[in-house]
Amino acid sequence: MARVTVQDAVEKIGNRFDLVLVAARRARQLQIENKSPLIPEENDKETVVALREIEDGLVNKQILDTADFQARQDEEAEVRSALHESILLDNTPSYE
């Protein structure tokens, strides 16, 4: 198992402060949201997997923003669909 060097990841992101934010965000996705890792896990913790993904250029702020935006769009579409269906059901005449 190769070591993760922060310097390699910093070069991909731009600075260490943004690296911390991006790595933490991706680690949360892996741990809490149960997102699938983009690399083999090799029994690594989520933070290490996140840093490896950043090093490999698979994850950056723009990629995470795009994925989050798409997830929000999908969620909003589901809510609109459910609301529309609910309204249709409420407006259906009952013959009781």
N, C-alpha and C. Protein backbone atom coordinates (compact mmCIF):
# COMPACT_ATOMS: atom_id res chain seq x y z
N MET A 1 0.85 -1.18 0.00
CA MET A 1 0.00 0.00 0.00
C MET A 1 0.90 1.24 0.00
N ALA A 2 0.76 2.06 -1.02
CA ALA A 2 1.56 3.28 -1.13
C ALA A 2 1.03 4.32 -0.14
N ARG A 3 1.94 5.13 0.33
CA ARG A 3 1.54 6.18 1.27
C ARG A 3 0.88 7.33 0.53
N VAL A 4 -0.01 7.98 1.22
CA VAL A 4 -0.65 9.17 0.66
C VAL A 4 0.18 10.36 1.11
N THR A 5 0.66 11.14 0.15
CA THR A 5 1.37 12.36 0.52
C THR A 5 0.46 13.54 0.24
N VAL A 6 0.35 14.38 1.20
CA VAL A 6 -0.54 15.53 1.08
C VAL A 6 -0.08 16.44 -0.04
N GLN A 7 1.22 16.52 -0.26
CA GLN A 7 1.74 17.42 -1.29
C GLN A 7 1.20 17.06 -2.68
N ASP A 8 1.12 15.77 -2.97
CA ASP A 8 0.57 15.34 -4.27
C ASP A 8 -0.88 15.79 -4.42
N ALA A 9 -1.65 15.65 -3.36
CA ALA A 9 -3.05 16.05 -3.40
C ALA A 9 -3.20 17.57 -3.47
N VAL A 10 -2.32 18.29 -2.76
CA VAL A 10 -2.37 19.76 -2.79
C VAL A 10 -2.14 20.26 -4.21
N GLU A 11 -1.22 19.61 -4.92
CA GLU A 11 -0.94 20.03 -6.30
C GLU A 11 -2.16 19.87 -7.19
N LYS A 12 -3.00 18.89 -6.91
CA LYS A 12 -4.21 18.68 -7.71
C LYS A 12 -5.30 19.70 -7.40
N ILE A 13 -5.39 20.11 -6.13
CA ILE A 13 -6.47 21.00 -5.68
C ILE A 13 -6.08 22.47 -5.75
N GLY A 14 -4.86 22.79 -5.41
CA GLY A 14 -4.42 24.18 -5.47
C GLY A 14 -3.81 24.68 -4.18
N ASN A 15 -4.47 24.43 -3.05
CA ASN A 15 -3.88 24.80 -1.76
C ASN A 15 -4.40 23.85 -0.68
N ARG A 16 -3.70 23.84 0.43
CA ARG A 16 -4.01 22.86 1.47
C ARG A 16 -5.36 23.10 2.14
N PHE A 17 -5.81 24.35 2.17
CA PHE A 17 -7.09 24.66 2.80
C PHE A 17 -8.25 24.09 1.97
N ASP A 18 -8.18 24.30 0.66
CA ASP A 18 -9.21 23.72 -0.21
C ASP A 18 -9.12 22.20 -0.21
N LEU A 19 -7.90 21.68 -0.10
CA LEU A 19 -7.73 20.22 -0.03
C LEU A 19 -8.49 19.65 1.16
N VAL A 20 -8.37 20.29 2.31
CA VAL A 20 -9.06 19.82 3.51
C VAL A 20 -10.57 19.81 3.28
N LEU A 21 -11.09 20.87 2.68
CA LEU A 21 -12.53 20.96 2.43
C LEU A 21 -13.01 19.89 1.45
N VAL A 22 -12.27 19.71 0.36
CA VAL A 22 -12.68 18.74 -0.66
C VAL A 22 -12.55 17.32 -0.11
N ALA A 23 -11.44 17.03 0.58
CA ALA A 23 -11.24 15.68 1.12
C ALA A 23 -12.29 15.35 2.18
N ALA A 24 -12.61 16.31 3.03
CA ALA A 24 -13.63 16.07 4.06
C ALA A 24 -15.00 15.84 3.43
N ARG A 25 -15.29 16.63 2.43
CA ARG A 25 -16.58 16.49 1.74
C ARG A 25 -16.71 15.12 1.08
N ARG A 26 -15.64 14.69 0.41
CA ARG A 26 -15.67 13.39 -0.25
C ARG A 26 -15.71 12.26 0.78
N ALA A 27 -14.96 12.39 1.87
CA ALA A 27 -14.97 11.36 2.91
C ALA A 27 -16.37 11.22 3.51
N ARG A 28 -17.09 12.35 3.69
CA ARG A 28 -18.46 12.29 4.19
C ARG A 28 -19.37 11.56 3.20
N GLN A 29 -19.17 11.82 1.92
CA GLN A 29 -19.96 11.11 0.91
C GLN A 29 -19.74 9.61 1.02
N LEU A 30 -18.49 9.22 1.19
CA LEU A 30 -18.16 7.80 1.27
C LEU A 30 -18.73 7.16 2.53
N GLN A 31 -18.62 7.87 3.65
CA GLN A 31 -19.01 7.29 4.93
C GLN A 31 -20.51 7.43 5.22
N ILE A 32 -21.04 8.61 5.10
CA ILE A 32 -22.42 8.86 5.51
C ILE A 32 -23.41 8.58 4.39
N GLU A 33 -23.08 9.01 3.18
CA GLU A 33 -24.00 8.85 2.05
C GLU A 33 -23.81 7.51 1.34
N ASN A 34 -22.84 6.73 1.79
CA ASN A 34 -22.56 5.41 1.21
C ASN A 34 -22.29 5.45 -0.29
N LYS A 35 -21.61 6.49 -0.74
CA LYS A 35 -21.21 6.56 -2.15
C LYS A 35 -20.11 5.53 -2.39
N SER A 36 -20.04 5.04 -3.59
CA SER A 36 -19.02 4.05 -3.94
C SER A 36 -17.69 4.73 -4.20
N PRO A 37 -16.60 4.15 -3.69
CA PRO A 37 -15.29 4.72 -3.97
C PRO A 37 -14.94 4.56 -5.45
N LEU A 38 -14.15 5.48 -5.96
CA LEU A 38 -13.75 5.45 -7.36
C LEU A 38 -12.45 4.69 -7.57
N ILE A 39 -11.86 4.24 -6.47
CA ILE A 39 -10.62 3.45 -6.52
C ILE A 39 -10.81 2.23 -5.61
N PRO A 40 -9.96 1.21 -5.75
CA PRO A 40 -10.05 0.09 -4.81
C PRO A 40 -9.78 0.56 -3.38
N GLU A 41 -10.59 0.10 -2.43
CA GLU A 41 -10.49 0.58 -1.05
C GLU A 41 -9.25 0.10 -0.31
N GLU A 42 -8.87 -1.13 -0.49
CA GLU A 42 -7.70 -1.71 0.18
C GLU A 42 -7.76 -1.55 1.70
N ASN A 43 -8.93 -1.65 2.30
CA ASN A 43 -9.09 -1.54 3.75
C ASN A 43 -8.70 -0.17 4.31
N ASP A 44 -8.71 0.85 3.47
CA ASP A 44 -8.36 2.20 3.91
C ASP A 44 -9.59 2.89 4.48
N LYS A 45 -9.35 3.83 5.37
CA LYS A 45 -10.44 4.65 5.89
C LYS A 45 -10.90 5.62 4.81
N GLU A 46 -12.08 6.18 5.02
CA GLU A 46 -12.68 7.05 4.01
C GLU A 46 -11.82 8.26 3.69
N THR A 47 -11.14 8.80 4.70
CA THR A 47 -10.29 9.97 4.45
C THR A 47 -9.13 9.63 3.53
N VAL A 48 -8.56 8.46 3.71
CA VAL A 48 -7.44 8.03 2.86
C VAL A 48 -7.94 7.78 1.45
N VAL A 49 -9.10 7.14 1.33
CA VAL A 49 -9.69 6.89 0.00
C VAL A 49 -9.94 8.23 -0.70
N ALA A 50 -10.48 9.20 0.03
CA ALA A 50 -10.75 10.52 -0.55
C ALA A 50 -9.46 11.16 -1.05
N LEU A 51 -8.41 11.11 -0.25
CA LEU A 51 -7.13 11.69 -0.67
C LEU A 51 -6.56 10.97 -1.88
N ARG A 52 -6.69 9.66 -1.92
CA ARG A 52 -6.20 8.90 -3.09
C ARG A 52 -6.99 9.27 -4.35
N GLU A 53 -8.29 9.44 -4.20
CA GLU A 53 -9.11 9.84 -5.35
C GLU A 53 -8.69 11.22 -5.85
N ILE A 54 -8.38 12.11 -4.92
CA ILE A 54 -7.93 13.45 -5.30
C ILE A 54 -6.59 13.36 -6.00
N GLU A 55 -5.67 12.59 -5.45
CA GLU A 55 -4.35 12.41 -6.07
C GLU A 55 -4.47 11.90 -7.50
N ASP A 56 -5.40 10.98 -7.71
CA ASP A 56 -5.58 10.38 -9.04
C ASP A 56 -6.37 11.28 -9.99
N GLY A 57 -6.80 12.45 -9.49
CA GLY A 57 -7.54 13.38 -10.34
C GLY A 57 -8.99 12.98 -10.57
N LEU A 58 -9.50 12.06 -9.76
CA LEU A 58 -10.87 11.59 -9.92
C LEU A 58 -11.88 12.47 -9.20
N VAL A 59 -11.41 13.25 -8.23
CA VAL A 59 -12.29 14.09 -7.43
C VAL A 59 -11.66 15.47 -7.29
N ASN A 60 -12.48 16.50 -7.48
CA ASN A 60 -12.09 17.87 -7.17
C ASN A 60 -13.36 18.64 -6.81
N LYS A 61 -13.22 19.91 -6.50
CA LYS A 61 -14.37 20.69 -6.06
C LYS A 61 -15.45 20.75 -7.14
N GLN A 62 -15.05 20.95 -8.38
CA GLN A 62 -16.03 21.06 -9.46
C GLN A 62 -16.80 19.76 -9.65
N ILE A 63 -16.12 18.65 -9.55
CA ILE A 63 -16.77 17.34 -9.70
C ILE A 63 -17.78 17.13 -8.57
N LEU A 64 -17.39 17.46 -7.35
CA LEU A 64 -18.31 17.32 -6.22
C LEU A 64 -19.49 18.26 -6.34
N ASP A 65 -19.23 19.51 -6.78
CA ASP A 65 -20.33 20.47 -6.96
C ASP A 65 -21.32 19.97 -8.00
N THR A 66 -20.81 19.45 -9.11
CA THR A 66 -21.68 18.94 -10.17
C THR A 66 -22.51 17.76 -9.68
N ALA A 67 -21.88 16.85 -8.96
CA ALA A 67 -22.59 15.68 -8.44
C ALA A 67 -23.67 16.11 -7.44
N ASP A 68 -23.34 17.05 -6.57
CA ASP A 68 -24.32 17.54 -5.59
C ASP A 68 -25.48 18.26 -6.28
N PHE A 69 -25.17 19.05 -7.30
CA PHE A 69 -26.21 19.76 -8.04
C PHE A 69 -27.16 18.77 -8.71
N GLN A 70 -26.58 17.74 -9.33
CA GLN A 70 -27.41 16.73 -10.00
C GLN A 70 -28.28 15.98 -8.99
N ALA A 71 -27.72 15.66 -7.82
CA ALA A 71 -28.49 14.96 -6.79
C ALA A 71 -29.65 15.83 -6.31
N ARG A 72 -29.40 17.13 -6.13
CA ARG A 72 -30.48 18.04 -5.72
C ARG A 72 -31.55 18.14 -6.79
N GLN A 73 -31.14 18.21 -8.05
CA GLN A 73 -32.10 18.27 -9.15
C GLN A 73 -32.97 17.03 -9.17
N ASP A 74 -32.35 15.86 -9.00
CA ASP A 74 -33.10 14.61 -8.99
C ASP A 74 -34.09 14.57 -7.83
N GLU A 75 -33.63 15.02 -6.66
CA GLU A 75 -34.49 15.03 -5.48
C GLU A 75 -35.67 15.98 -5.67
N GLU A 76 -35.40 17.15 -6.23
CA GLU A 76 -36.48 18.11 -6.47
C GLU A 76 -37.48 17.56 -7.49
N ALA A 77 -36.99 16.86 -8.50
CA ALA A 77 -37.88 16.27 -9.50
C ALA A 77 -38.79 15.22 -8.86
N GLU A 78 -38.23 14.43 -7.95
CA GLU A 78 -39.03 13.43 -7.24
C GLU A 78 -40.11 14.10 -6.39
N VAL A 79 -39.75 15.18 -5.71
CA VAL A 79 -40.71 15.89 -4.86
C VAL A 79 -41.81 16.50 -5.72
N ARG A 80 -41.43 17.12 -6.85
CA ARG A 80 -42.44 17.70 -7.74
C ARG A 80 -43.38 16.63 -8.27
N SER A 81 -42.82 15.49 -8.64
CA SER A 81 -43.64 14.39 -9.16
C SER A 81 -44.61 13.89 -8.09
N ALA A 82 -44.12 13.71 -6.87
CA ALA A 82 -44.98 13.24 -5.78
C ALA A 82 -46.05 14.27 -5.46
N LEU A 83 -45.68 15.54 -5.47
CA LEU A 83 -46.65 16.60 -5.21
C LEU A 83 -47.71 16.64 -6.30
N HIS A 84 -47.29 16.53 -7.54
CA HIS A 84 -48.23 16.53 -8.67
C HIS A 84 -49.19 15.34 -8.55
N GLU A 85 -48.65 14.19 -8.23
CA GLU A 85 -49.49 13.00 -8.06
C GLU A 85 -50.48 13.18 -6.92
N SER A 86 -50.01 13.77 -5.84
CA SER A 86 -50.88 14.01 -4.68
C SER A 86 -52.01 14.97 -5.04
N ILE A 87 -51.69 16.00 -5.79
CA ILE A 87 -52.71 16.97 -6.21
C ILE A 87 -53.73 16.30 -7.11
N LEU A 88 -53.26 15.46 -8.03
CA LEU A 88 -54.18 14.75 -8.92
C LEU A 88 -55.11 13.84 -8.13
N LEU A 89 -54.56 13.15 -7.14
CA LEU A 89 -55.38 12.26 -6.33
C LEU A 89 -56.40 13.03 -5.50
N ASP A 90 -56.00 14.20 -5.01
CA ASP A 90 -56.92 15.02 -4.21
C ASP A 90 -58.05 15.58 -5.05
N ASN A 91 -57.79 15.81 -6.33
CA ASN A 91 -58.80 16.40 -7.21
C ASN A 91 -59.67 15.35 -7.92
N THR A 92 -59.40 14.09 -7.65
CA THR A 92 -60.21 13.04 -8.26
C THR A 92 -61.56 12.99 -7.55
N PRO A 93 -62.65 13.06 -8.31
CA PRO A 93 -63.97 13.02 -7.65
C PRO A 93 -64.22 11.66 -7.01
N SER A 94 -64.78 11.70 -5.85
CA SER A 94 -65.13 10.44 -5.19
C SER A 94 -66.63 10.23 -5.32
N TYR A 95 -67.01 9.00 -5.51
CA TYR A 95 -68.42 8.66 -5.71
C TYR A 95 -68.97 7.91 -4.52
N GLU A 96 -68.73 8.45 -3.37
CA GLU A 96 -69.20 7.79 -2.15
C GLU A 96 -70.57 8.23 -1.76
